[in-house]
Amino acid sequence: MRCHSIPARLFLWGWAYSNHLYALAYAGHELGIETLGIIRGERPETLNPSLSDMQAWGMALELVSRSDYRQLRTYKQNNAFPGLSPGEYWLPEGGALNLALQEVAELVAEIDIDYDVLCVPCGTATTMAGLVNAVAGQKQVHGFAALKGAGFLKDELDNFLAHSAGSSFDWSIHLQYHFGGFAKISSELLHFIQQFEQTHNIKLEPVYTGKMLYGIYDLIRLGYFKSGQKIIAIHTGGLQGNRGFVSVPI
């Protein structure tokens, strides 16, 4: 008999190398929850390594057109997707729900060293909103947009924080380090990632974390941060993006 606190099925959508889809597929496998991944694009003859793993963990895969994918962005709440049955839950792109802010706050609670600035890559700004809400103006939070034309993220962040009345937040989103757009790369970015990994033995990817770290180093070089400020960069962990660049030496 299924416990009532565990959903019967979870729906999530993303691109073919989505870190969120990958994590959800694994979590569903471990917890015995059915999962459905809705992926942008045509179904290939052979699934890429990320999709193959998801399918092996029991996730049902549905590929949709770009226009249908854009339509999915209109479903903002966990019960908004048409045709859901009892016990089925819809997760918006990037897990962009207010509930996610509470979970991100746990990340802040685990930081046990002094710091002045938190930096994080931004896709939907959900993780950043959780960080901003958690530090409540006591620290600066800087986001680094992974996609081009991401000025809308500032509105998204304001919407997330609208219910946190009384807090004085200190945050900025840097829009200039997208390198041409989402999942776009350049030789300069790849060289930076190679040098960083060789120096620090920390794996990056060029979709999110590589762009964030490049931006942090560039802002330091430009004197953007105050002298003596202690900066923490949040490595959001997903390395699936590397699998989409198998022909590029990163």
Protein backbone atom coordinates (compact mmCIF):
# COMPACT_ATOMS: atom_id res chain seq x y z
CA MET A 1 0.00 0.00 0.00
CA ARG A 2 1.46 3.41 -0.99
CA CYS A 3 2.09 5.92 1.76
CA HIS A 4 -0.16 8.97 1.26
CA SER A 5 2.78 11.36 1.81
CA ILE A 6 4.57 10.00 -1.28
CA PRO A 7 3.24 11.12 -4.68
CA ALA A 8 2.15 8.47 -7.14
CA ARG A 9 3.88 10.12 -10.08
CA LEU A 10 6.09 13.14 -10.71
CA PHE A 11 6.28 15.09 -13.98
CA LEU A 12 9.29 17.23 -14.87
CA TRP A 13 10.54 18.75 -18.10
CA GLY A 14 13.85 20.01 -19.43
CA TRP A 15 16.48 19.72 -22.11
CA ALA A 16 18.14 16.46 -23.13
CA TYR A 17 20.99 16.83 -20.61
CA SER A 18 18.92 18.28 -17.79
CA ASN A 19 20.45 17.94 -14.33
CA HIS A 20 16.97 18.17 -12.77
CA LEU A 21 15.58 15.37 -14.91
CA TYR A 22 18.59 13.21 -14.16
CA ALA A 23 18.26 13.77 -10.40
CA LEU A 24 14.51 13.14 -10.46
CA ALA A 25 14.91 9.89 -12.40
CA TYR A 26 17.41 8.61 -9.85
CA ALA A 27 15.30 9.75 -6.88
CA GLY A 28 12.24 8.07 -8.37
CA HIS A 29 14.20 4.86 -8.81
CA GLU A 30 15.44 4.93 -5.23
CA LEU A 31 12.09 5.88 -3.67
CA GLY A 32 9.81 3.80 -5.87
CA ILE A 33 8.04 6.81 -7.41
CA GLU A 34 6.95 6.80 -11.05
CA THR A 35 8.48 9.66 -13.04
CA LEU A 36 7.85 11.19 -16.44
CA GLY A 37 10.41 13.39 -18.16
CA ILE A 38 9.22 15.73 -20.91
CA ILE A 39 12.16 16.64 -23.14
CA ARG A 40 12.48 19.33 -25.79
CA GLY A 41 13.40 17.99 -29.22
CA GLU A 42 12.89 15.12 -31.64
CA ARG A 43 13.47 11.59 -30.44
CA PRO A 44 16.89 10.44 -31.69
CA GLU A 45 17.58 6.99 -33.07
CA THR A 46 19.90 6.41 -30.13
CA LEU A 47 19.32 8.04 -26.74
CA ASN A 48 22.17 10.14 -25.36
CA PRO A 49 23.93 8.85 -22.20
CA SER A 50 21.88 11.03 -19.86
CA LEU A 51 18.53 9.96 -21.31
CA SER A 52 19.67 6.33 -21.36
CA ASP A 53 20.41 6.51 -17.62
CA MET A 54 17.05 8.13 -16.93
CA GLN A 55 15.23 5.43 -18.86
CA ALA A 56 17.22 2.71 -17.10
CA TRP A 57 16.06 4.15 -13.77
CA GLY A 58 12.46 3.78 -14.88
CA MET A 59 11.65 7.29 -16.07
CA ALA A 60 9.17 7.43 -18.94
CA LEU A 61 10.41 9.83 -21.62
CA GLU A 62 8.24 12.04 -23.81
CA LEU A 63 9.83 14.29 -26.42
CA VAL A 64 7.94 17.38 -27.57
CA SER A 65 8.38 20.15 -30.13
CA ARG A 66 9.88 23.54 -29.24
CA SER A 67 6.44 25.19 -29.49
CA ASP A 68 4.86 22.62 -27.16
CA TYR A 69 7.83 23.03 -24.82
CA ARG A 70 7.24 26.79 -24.64
CA GLN A 71 3.61 26.08 -23.74
CA LEU A 72 4.77 24.09 -20.73
CA ARG A 73 6.18 27.30 -19.23
CA THR A 74 2.63 28.52 -18.66
CA TYR A 75 2.04 25.84 -16.03
CA LYS A 76 3.59 27.41 -12.94
CA GLN A 77 2.14 25.36 -10.09
CA ASN A 78 2.43 21.71 -9.11
CA ASN A 79 -1.24 21.11 -9.94
CA ALA A 80 -1.37 23.22 -13.13
CA PHE A 81 -0.60 20.62 -15.78
CA PRO A 82 -3.83 19.52 -17.56
CA GLY A 83 -5.16 16.06 -16.88
CA LEU A 84 -3.34 15.27 -13.65
CA SER A 85 -4.80 12.45 -11.58
CA PRO A 86 -4.85 12.38 -7.75
CA GLY A 87 -1.33 11.82 -6.48
CA GLU A 88 0.33 13.19 -9.62
CA TYR A 89 2.46 16.32 -9.36
CA TRP A 90 3.84 18.68 -11.97
CA LEU A 91 7.26 20.25 -11.37
CA PRO A 92 7.89 23.43 -13.40
CA GLU A 93 11.16 23.96 -15.24
CA GLY A 94 14.08 24.09 -12.82
CA GLY A 95 11.82 23.02 -9.94
CA ALA A 96 10.64 26.66 -9.79
CA LEU A 97 8.18 26.38 -6.90
CA ASN A 98 8.08 28.41 -3.70
CA LEU A 99 8.54 25.18 -1.76
CA ALA A 100 12.01 24.86 -3.33
CA LEU A 101 13.12 28.02 -1.52
CA GLN A 102 12.72 26.24 1.82
CA GLU A 103 14.93 23.37 0.68
CA VAL A 104 17.65 25.71 -0.64
CA ALA A 105 17.72 27.39 2.77
CA GLU A 106 19.11 24.15 4.19
CA LEU A 107 22.15 24.61 1.96
CA VAL A 108 22.87 27.98 3.58
CA ALA A 109 22.54 26.46 7.04
CA GLU A 110 25.31 23.99 6.20
CA ILE A 111 27.90 26.69 5.44
CA ASP A 112 30.12 26.74 8.53
CA ILE A 113 32.73 29.33 7.52
CA ASP A 114 32.53 33.11 7.50
CA TYR A 115 31.71 34.81 4.20
CA ASP A 116 30.38 38.04 2.73
CA VAL A 117 29.18 37.01 -0.73
CA LEU A 118 27.38 33.98 -2.16
CA CYS A 119 27.58 33.33 -5.91
CA VAL A 120 25.41 30.89 -7.85
CA PRO A 121 24.68 30.08 -11.52
CA CYS A 122 21.16 30.96 -12.70
CA GLY A 123 18.83 29.09 -15.01
CA THR A 124 15.40 29.84 -13.56
CA ALA A 125 16.75 31.76 -10.52
CA THR A 126 15.00 29.35 -8.14
CA THR A 127 18.19 28.39 -6.30
CA MET A 128 19.25 32.02 -6.13
CA ALA A 129 15.87 33.04 -4.71
CA GLY A 130 16.25 30.44 -1.99
CA LEU A 131 19.71 31.77 -1.11
CA VAL A 132 18.54 35.40 -1.06
CA ASN A 133 15.60 34.50 1.13
CA ALA A 134 17.76 32.48 3.51
CA VAL A 135 20.44 35.10 4.12
CA ALA A 136 17.77 37.83 4.44
CA GLY A 137 20.03 40.72 3.53
CA GLN A 138 22.82 39.72 5.90
CA LYS A 139 25.01 38.66 2.96
CA GLN A 140 25.24 39.60 -0.70
CA VAL A 141 24.02 37.09 -3.29
CA HIS A 142 25.21 37.25 -6.91
CA GLY A 143 23.68 35.20 -9.71
CA PHE A 144 25.29 34.48 -13.07
CA ALA A 145 22.79 33.94 -15.88
CA ALA A 146 23.46 30.91 -18.09
CA LEU A 147 21.28 32.14 -20.94
CA LYS A 148 21.15 35.17 -23.19
CA GLY A 149 18.48 37.82 -22.74
CA ALA A 150 17.88 36.80 -19.14
CA GLY A 151 16.75 40.16 -17.82
CA PHE A 152 13.42 38.51 -16.99
CA LEU A 153 15.17 36.61 -14.20
CA LYS A 154 15.12 39.77 -12.10
CA ASP A 155 11.32 39.80 -12.29
CA GLU A 156 11.23 36.08 -11.52
CA LEU A 157 13.33 36.65 -8.43
CA ASP A 158 11.11 39.52 -7.29
CA ASN A 159 8.09 37.25 -7.68
CA PHE A 160 9.71 34.52 -5.59
CA LEU A 161 10.56 37.00 -2.84
CA ALA A 162 7.22 38.83 -2.89
CA HIS A 163 6.00 36.93 0.17
CA SER A 164 9.10 37.75 2.24
CA ALA A 165 7.88 41.15 3.38
CA GLY A 166 10.05 43.02 5.83
CA SER A 167 13.37 41.67 4.57
CA SER A 168 15.96 43.96 3.00
CA PHE A 169 17.65 41.85 0.32
CA ASP A 170 21.05 42.47 -1.27
CA TRP A 171 21.36 40.70 -4.62
CA SER A 172 22.47 41.15 -8.22
CA ILE A 173 22.18 39.06 -11.39
CA HIS A 174 25.04 39.34 -13.88
CA LEU A 175 23.80 38.93 -17.43
CA GLN A 176 27.05 39.31 -19.38
CA TYR A 177 28.62 35.86 -18.94
CA HIS A 178 26.33 33.70 -21.10
CA PHE A 179 28.90 33.28 -23.93
CA GLY A 180 26.24 33.54 -26.60
CA GLY A 181 23.31 31.80 -24.93
CA PHE A 182 22.23 28.68 -23.08
CA ALA A 183 24.70 25.80 -23.63
CA LYS A 184 26.76 28.03 -25.93
CA ILE A 185 30.52 27.89 -25.47
CA SER A 186 33.70 29.56 -26.66
CA SER A 187 37.39 28.69 -26.72
CA GLU A 188 37.94 31.29 -24.00
CA LEU A 189 35.41 29.63 -21.69
CA LEU A 190 36.78 26.14 -22.38
CA HIS A 191 40.33 27.31 -21.71
CA PHE A 192 39.24 28.81 -18.39
CA ILE A 193 37.51 25.56 -17.38
CA GLN A 194 40.59 23.51 -18.27
CA GLN A 195 42.87 25.79 -16.29
CA PHE A 196 40.53 25.82 -13.30
CA GLU A 197 40.24 22.03 -13.21
CA GLN A 198 44.01 21.58 -13.52
CA THR A 199 44.64 24.06 -10.72
CA HIS A 200 41.92 23.06 -8.25
CA ASN A 201 40.98 19.50 -9.26
CA ILE A 202 37.30 20.50 -9.25
CA LYS A 203 35.17 19.42 -12.20
CA LEU A 204 33.12 22.11 -13.96
CA GLU A 205 30.78 22.13 -16.96
CA PRO A 206 30.28 24.89 -19.55
CA VAL A 207 26.52 25.36 -19.14
CA TYR A 208 26.30 26.66 -15.56
CA THR A 209 29.25 26.36 -13.20
CA GLY A 210 31.96 27.16 -15.74
CA LYS A 211 30.26 30.41 -16.70
CA MET A 212 29.72 31.37 -13.07
CA LEU A 213 33.35 30.80 -12.09
CA TYR A 214 34.56 32.66 -15.18
CA GLY A 215 32.33 35.58 -14.19
CA ILE A 216 33.56 35.61 -10.59
CA TYR A 217 37.20 35.68 -11.68
CA ASP A 218 36.48 38.42 -14.20
CA LEU A 219 34.66 40.59 -11.66
CA ILE A 220 37.55 40.16 -9.21
CA ARG A 221 39.96 41.21 -11.94
CA LEU A 222 37.83 44.29 -12.63
CA GLY A 223 37.77 45.27 -8.94
CA TYR A 224 34.02 44.74 -8.64
CA PHE A 225 34.12 43.22 -5.16
CA LYS A 226 35.39 45.13 -2.14
CA SER A 227 38.89 44.33 -0.97
CA GLY A 228 38.88 41.62 1.70
CA GLN A 229 35.43 40.28 0.94
CA LYS A 230 35.12 36.53 1.34
CA ILE A 231 33.32 34.91 -1.58
CA ILE A 232 31.66 31.49 -1.66
CA ALA A 233 30.78 30.03 -5.07
CA ILE A 234 27.94 27.50 -4.94
CA HIS A 235 28.78 24.58 -7.21
CA THR A 236 25.29 23.39 -8.06
CA GLY A 237 26.66 19.97 -8.88
CA GLY A 238 25.11 19.04 -12.18
CA LEU A 239 27.70 17.81 -14.66
CA GLN A 240 25.33 16.35 -17.26
CA GLY A 241 26.10 19.27 -19.55
CA ASN A 242 29.56 17.84 -20.17
CA ARG A 243 27.96 14.85 -21.88
CA GLY A 244 26.55 17.17 -24.52
CA PHE A 245 30.03 18.25 -25.56
CA VAL A 246 31.66 14.87 -26.11
CA SER A 247 33.49 16.17 -29.19
CA VAL A 248 34.96 19.10 -27.27
CA PRO A 249 37.99 18.50 -25.00
CA ILE A 250 36.70 19.78 -21.67
